[in-house]
Amino acid sequence: MADAELELTAGDTRMVVNTATGRIASLDIGGLGILRTGARFGSFPMAPWCGRMRDGVLTWHGHTYHLPRNAEPHAIHGTVRDRPWRVLDSDGTEAVLAQELTEPWPFAGRVTQSFRLAADSATFRMSVESAADSFPAQVGWHPWFRRTLDTEGKAVELRFTPAWQERRGADYLPDGHRIAPLPGPWDDCFAMPEGVDATLTWPETLELTITSPLPWVVVYDLPAETVCVEPQSGPPNGLNTEPRTVTPERPLVAEMSWRWRALD
C-alpha cells in the first residue's frame, strides 16, 4: 500500500483512505468494489463550498473574492480535495484527518474529517472551523458509485423522495425556482429538509442506504459508468445565495452514514 494511504477493515469490508487528497480511494464490500477508482474518483470531500460557484466569485460583507475557475466559467467543489491532509488519528477501523484552509481561500481556518468503518456501515463526519474572521462555508461528500458491480451485473437503481428540485439554468446552476422533481438523468440539486435519505440498489447483489441530517443532495448520473449521490449543507452557489456563517465559536459540522446489506 502506498505511503499516502490508510487501510480500514471491519469484517469483510475494506476502505482505503488516500491522505494526499482526503478521498476514499476504494471501498470493497465482500470483495465488491462499489466506488469507481482512479485519481478523480472514489469519494472526495467538498469544502469550504460544494458544487459550482458562479464565475468563481464570492461576495461577503461587502468584499468580492475571486476563486480559481476550475470548471469554466465557475469554481467547483472547494479547495481541499487535491491537497494533503494530516493524519490526526488512525486505529484500523477509524481515521481522523485535518487540513488548514489557505490560499486561494481567503479566510484562515481548518477542515477536519473522520471515517469510521463497521462490517455493515460507514460513518463520516466533517467540520469547518474559523481561525479568526467569520466566513460562509459549506461541506459535502462526492462519491462516485459504480453503475454496475461486475460485467454481468444489472445497473444500479436509485430511490429517493425529495421535497423539490432546484431548477437548473443553462449555466448548470439553480436559477432561483423550485420545481417538482423531474425524472433523470440528472446533474441537479434536490431539497430534503428532513435530511438526506437515498438508497442505491444493485439488483440481486447489494443495497446501500445513504442518510445524513444535511438538507440538500446533488445527484449526478450523466456518466455511463457512475452515479453520484452527494449530501451537502447547501445548494450550488449557496455561499452567495444561502450562506451559513462559520465563526471561531460556531463551526460547521456535518455527518453522513452509509449502511449496506447483501441481496443474495
Protein backbone atom coordinates (compact mmCIF):
# COMPACT_ATOMS: atom_id res chain seq x y z
CA MET A 1 0.00 0.00 0.00
CA ALA A 2 1.27 3.50 -0.85
CA ASP A 3 2.60 5.73 1.93
CA ALA A 4 -0.29 8.16 1.36
CA GLU A 5 -2.94 5.52 2.04
CA LEU A 6 -4.65 4.30 5.20
CA GLU A 7 -6.48 0.99 5.27
CA LEU A 8 -9.53 0.47 7.46
CA THR A 9 -11.05 -3.00 7.80
CA ALA A 10 -14.11 -4.48 9.51
CA GLY A 11 -15.33 -7.98 8.76
CA ASP A 12 -15.13 -8.49 5.01
CA THR A 13 -15.23 -4.73 4.32
CA ARG A 14 -12.11 -2.76 3.40
CA MET A 15 -11.81 1.01 2.95
CA VAL A 16 -8.71 2.78 1.67
CA VAL A 17 -8.35 6.49 2.51
CA ASN A 18 -5.86 8.50 0.44
CA THR A 19 -4.31 11.08 2.76
CA ALA A 20 -2.79 13.03 -0.15
CA THR A 21 -6.28 14.03 -1.27
CA GLY A 22 -8.63 13.20 1.63
CA ARG A 23 -10.55 10.86 -0.65
CA ILE A 24 -11.89 7.40 -0.04
CA ALA A 25 -9.83 5.73 -2.74
CA SER A 26 -11.82 2.49 -2.60
CA LEU A 27 -14.49 0.66 -0.61
CA ASP A 28 -14.76 -3.11 -1.04
CA ILE A 29 -17.72 -4.94 0.47
CA GLY A 30 -17.45 -8.71 0.39
CA GLY A 31 -14.98 -8.42 -2.48
CA LEU A 32 -17.13 -5.99 -4.47
CA GLY A 33 -15.68 -2.55 -5.16
CA ILE A 34 -18.64 -0.15 -5.06
CA LEU A 35 -16.72 3.03 -5.97
CA ARG A 36 -15.14 3.86 -9.28
CA THR A 37 -11.43 4.14 -8.60
CA GLY A 38 -8.81 6.47 -10.04
CA ALA A 39 -7.33 9.91 -9.42
CA ARG A 40 -10.60 11.82 -9.95
CA PHE A 41 -12.93 9.30 -8.39
CA GLY A 42 -13.52 7.36 -5.18
CA SER A 43 -15.38 9.68 -2.80
CA PHE A 44 -13.97 13.12 -2.10
CA PRO A 45 -14.73 15.85 0.45
CA MET A 46 -16.20 19.17 -0.67
CA ALA A 47 -15.24 22.21 1.43
CA PRO A 48 -15.41 25.12 2.04
CA TRP A 49 -18.05 25.05 -0.70
CA CYS A 50 -19.93 22.42 -2.70
CA GLY A 51 -20.63 22.22 -6.40
CA ARG A 52 -20.31 25.23 -8.66
CA MET A 53 -19.78 28.81 -7.55
CA ARG A 54 -20.95 31.19 -10.25
CA ASP A 55 -17.99 32.69 -12.17
CA GLY A 56 -15.70 31.87 -9.22
CA VAL A 57 -16.96 34.97 -7.38
CA LEU A 58 -17.67 35.09 -3.66
CA THR A 59 -19.28 38.20 -2.21
CA TRP A 60 -19.09 38.52 1.57
CA HIS A 61 -19.62 41.52 3.84
CA GLY A 62 -19.16 44.00 1.03
CA HIS A 63 -15.98 42.41 -0.37
CA THR A 64 -15.57 40.43 -3.58
CA TYR A 65 -13.21 37.46 -3.75
CA HIS A 66 -12.16 35.59 -6.89
CA LEU A 67 -11.59 31.84 -6.73
CA PRO A 68 -9.99 29.57 -9.37
CA ARG A 69 -12.42 28.88 -12.20
CA ASN A 70 -11.62 25.18 -12.43
CA ALA A 71 -14.95 24.33 -14.11
CA GLU A 72 -15.14 27.22 -16.56
CA PRO A 73 -16.71 29.62 -16.08
CA HIS A 74 -17.27 28.52 -12.48
CA ALA A 75 -15.27 27.42 -9.44
CA ILE A 76 -16.23 23.95 -8.27
CA HIS A 77 -16.13 21.65 -5.22
CA GLY A 78 -13.98 23.72 -2.86
CA THR A 79 -10.24 23.68 -2.26
CA VAL A 80 -9.49 20.64 -0.08
CA ARG A 81 -9.93 17.65 -2.41
CA ASP A 82 -6.50 17.73 -4.05
CA ARG A 83 -4.27 18.81 -1.16
CA PRO A 84 -2.55 16.69 1.50
CA TRP A 85 -4.19 16.03 4.85
CA ARG A 86 -2.53 15.44 8.22
CA VAL A 87 -3.42 12.21 9.98
CA LEU A 88 -4.57 13.07 13.50
CA ASP A 89 -5.60 9.56 14.48
CA SER A 90 -5.95 6.08 12.98
CA ASP A 91 -6.57 2.72 14.64
CA GLY A 92 -7.58 0.27 11.91
CA THR A 93 -11.33 0.97 11.90
CA GLU A 94 -11.30 4.76 12.33
CA ALA A 95 -9.24 7.67 10.98
CA VAL A 96 -9.24 11.44 11.52
CA LEU A 97 -7.63 13.84 9.03
CA ALA A 98 -7.22 17.61 9.01
CA GLN A 99 -6.23 20.30 6.52
CA GLU A 100 -5.63 24.02 7.03
CA LEU A 101 -7.57 26.41 4.83
CA THR A 102 -5.12 28.56 2.87
CA GLU A 103 -4.94 30.40 -0.47
CA PRO A 104 -6.84 30.59 -2.74
CA TRP A 105 -9.49 30.50 0.01
CA PRO A 106 -9.36 33.99 1.56
CA PHE A 107 -10.11 33.04 5.20
CA ALA A 108 -7.99 31.18 7.74
CA GLY A 109 -9.47 28.01 9.18
CA ARG A 110 -9.34 24.26 9.24
CA VAL A 111 -11.31 21.34 7.82
CA THR A 112 -11.39 18.06 9.74
CA GLN A 113 -12.90 14.83 8.53
CA SER A 114 -13.31 11.43 10.15
CA PHE A 115 -14.09 7.94 8.88
CA ARG A 116 -15.47 5.06 10.94
CA LEU A 117 -15.90 1.61 9.40
CA ALA A 118 -18.06 -1.30 10.61
CA ALA A 119 -18.85 -4.57 8.88
CA ASP A 120 -22.20 -3.27 7.59
CA SER A 121 -21.80 0.51 7.66
CA ALA A 122 -19.53 3.53 7.43
CA THR A 123 -19.92 6.86 9.20
CA PHE A 124 -18.35 10.11 8.06
CA ARG A 125 -18.02 13.46 9.81
CA MET A 126 -16.65 16.77 8.54
CA SER A 127 -16.25 20.19 10.13
CA VAL A 128 -15.09 23.63 9.07
CA GLU A 129 -13.62 25.88 11.75
CA SER A 130 -12.63 29.54 11.55
CA ALA A 131 -9.27 30.66 12.93
CA ALA A 132 -10.27 34.32 13.20
CA ASP A 133 -12.79 36.02 10.90
CA SER A 134 -16.32 34.90 10.16
CA PHE A 135 -16.88 33.45 6.70
CA PRO A 136 -19.51 31.47 4.76
CA ALA A 137 -18.93 27.75 4.29
CA GLN A 138 -20.43 24.52 3.02
CA VAL A 139 -19.40 20.88 3.37
CA GLY A 140 -20.42 17.78 1.48
CA TRP A 141 -19.31 14.45 0.03
CA HIS A 142 -18.99 13.46 -3.62
CA PRO A 143 -18.96 9.67 -4.05
CA TRP A 144 -18.64 8.08 -7.49
CA PHE A 145 -20.62 4.84 -7.23
CA ARG A 146 -20.18 2.24 -9.94
CA ARG A 147 -23.27 1.82 -12.09
CA THR A 148 -22.65 -1.94 -12.29
CA LEU A 149 -20.55 -4.03 -9.91
CA ASP A 150 -19.42 -6.59 -12.50
CA THR A 151 -19.60 -7.10 -16.24
CA GLU A 152 -22.75 -9.24 -15.97
CA GLY A 153 -24.46 -7.19 -13.26
CA LYS A 154 -27.60 -5.08 -13.62
CA ALA A 155 -27.39 -1.30 -13.39
CA VAL A 156 -27.87 0.33 -10.01
CA GLU A 157 -31.30 1.74 -9.16
CA LEU A 158 -31.63 4.93 -7.13
CA ARG A 159 -34.59 5.70 -4.83
CA PHE A 160 -35.08 9.00 -3.04
CA THR A 161 -38.02 11.33 -2.40
CA PRO A 162 -37.01 15.00 -2.44
CA ALA A 163 -39.35 17.81 -1.45
CA TRP A 164 -38.42 19.77 -4.54
CA GLN A 165 -35.80 20.24 -7.23
CA GLU A 166 -33.84 23.42 -7.79
CA ARG A 167 -34.49 24.30 -11.41
CA ARG A 168 -31.21 24.24 -13.31
CA GLY A 169 -30.32 27.08 -15.61
CA ALA A 170 -28.25 26.94 -18.78
CA ASP A 171 -25.13 27.54 -16.68
CA TYR A 172 -25.87 24.39 -14.60
CA LEU A 173 -26.66 26.47 -11.51
CA PRO A 174 -30.03 26.84 -9.76
CA ASP A 175 -31.98 29.70 -11.32
CA GLY A 176 -33.98 30.54 -8.18
CA HIS A 177 -37.09 28.49 -8.98
CA ARG A 178 -38.28 25.43 -7.08
CA ILE A 179 -39.98 22.77 -9.19
CA ALA A 180 -41.47 19.31 -8.74
CA PRO A 181 -38.73 16.69 -9.11
CA LEU A 182 -38.18 15.69 -12.72
CA PRO A 183 -37.10 12.26 -13.97
CA GLY A 184 -33.40 11.77 -14.70
CA PRO A 185 -30.81 11.79 -15.99
CA TRP A 186 -29.62 14.46 -13.57
CA ASP A 187 -26.94 16.93 -12.75
CA ASP A 188 -29.28 18.60 -10.29
CA CYS A 189 -29.79 19.75 -6.72
CA PHE A 190 -32.69 18.49 -4.62
CA ALA A 191 -34.01 19.59 -1.24
CA MET A 192 -34.61 17.06 1.55
CA PRO A 193 -35.43 19.30 4.53
CA GLU A 194 -35.83 16.35 6.92
CA GLY A 195 -32.41 15.02 5.95
CA VAL A 196 -30.95 13.10 3.04
CA ASP A 197 -32.25 9.54 2.66
CA ALA A 198 -31.38 7.73 -0.58
CA THR A 199 -30.99 4.06 -1.46
CA LEU A 200 -28.83 2.56 -4.19
CA THR A 201 -29.73 -0.99 -5.17
CA TRP A 202 -27.62 -3.22 -7.38
CA PRO A 203 -30.28 -5.87 -8.15
CA GLU A 204 -29.67 -9.31 -6.63
CA THR A 205 -26.34 -8.10 -5.24
CA LEU A 206 -26.25 -5.21 -2.77
CA GLU A 207 -28.36 -2.43 -1.24
CA LEU A 208 -26.73 0.70 0.18
CA THR A 209 -28.60 3.46 2.02
CA ILE A 210 -27.18 6.97 2.42
CA THR A 211 -28.51 9.09 5.29
CA SER A 212 -27.49 12.49 6.60
CA PRO A 213 -29.11 15.33 8.56
CA LEU A 214 -27.96 17.62 5.74
CA PRO A 215 -30.91 19.12 3.81
CA TRP A 216 -29.53 19.06 0.26
CA VAL A 217 -28.40 16.40 -2.18
CA VAL A 218 -26.97 16.69 -5.67
CA VAL A 219 -27.48 13.71 -7.97
CA TYR A 220 -25.19 13.37 -10.98
CA ASP A 221 -25.84 10.32 -13.14
CA LEU A 222 -24.95 11.55 -16.62
CA PRO A 223 -21.77 9.42 -16.98
CA ALA A 224 -22.32 5.92 -18.34
CA GLU A 225 -20.22 4.25 -15.65
CA THR A 226 -21.15 6.09 -12.46
CA VAL A 227 -23.87 7.53 -10.25
CA CYS A 228 -23.07 10.27 -7.73
CA VAL A 229 -25.30 10.98 -4.73
CA GLU A 230 -23.85 13.97 -2.88
CA PRO A 231 -25.22 15.09 0.51
CA GLN A 232 -24.27 18.68 1.18
CA SER A 233 -25.05 21.52 3.57
CA GLY A 234 -26.15 23.99 0.90
CA PRO A 235 -27.06 24.21 -2.79
CA PRO A 236 -24.65 25.11 -5.60
CA ASN A 237 -23.59 28.77 -5.38
CA GLY A 238 -25.02 28.68 -1.87
CA LEU A 239 -22.18 30.71 -0.36
CA ASN A 240 -23.71 33.65 -2.22
CA THR A 241 -27.40 32.75 -2.05
CA GLU A 242 -27.86 30.88 1.27
CA PRO A 243 -24.68 31.45 3.30
CA ARG A 244 -24.06 29.56 6.54
CA THR A 245 -21.70 31.64 8.69
CA VAL A 246 -18.74 29.99 10.43
CA THR A 247 -17.11 31.76 13.38
CA PRO A 248 -14.41 30.67 15.86
CA GLU A 249 -17.22 29.86 18.30
CA ARG A 250 -19.56 28.24 15.75
CA PRO A 251 -18.02 25.69 13.36
CA LEU A 252 -19.97 23.99 10.61
CA VAL A 253 -20.34 20.28 11.40
CA ALA A 254 -21.89 17.61 9.18
CA GLU A 255 -22.35 13.84 9.26
CA MET A 256 -23.24 11.13 6.75
CA SER A 257 -23.79 7.38 7.08
CA TRP A 258 -23.75 4.54 4.57
CA ARG A 259 -25.37 1.23 5.52
CA TRP A 260 -25.47 -1.83 3.30
CA ARG A 261 -26.80 -5.38 3.07
CA ALA A 262 -26.29 -8.23 0.66
CA LEU A 263 -29.24 -9.25 -1.53
CA ASP A 264 -28.25 -12.81 -2.35
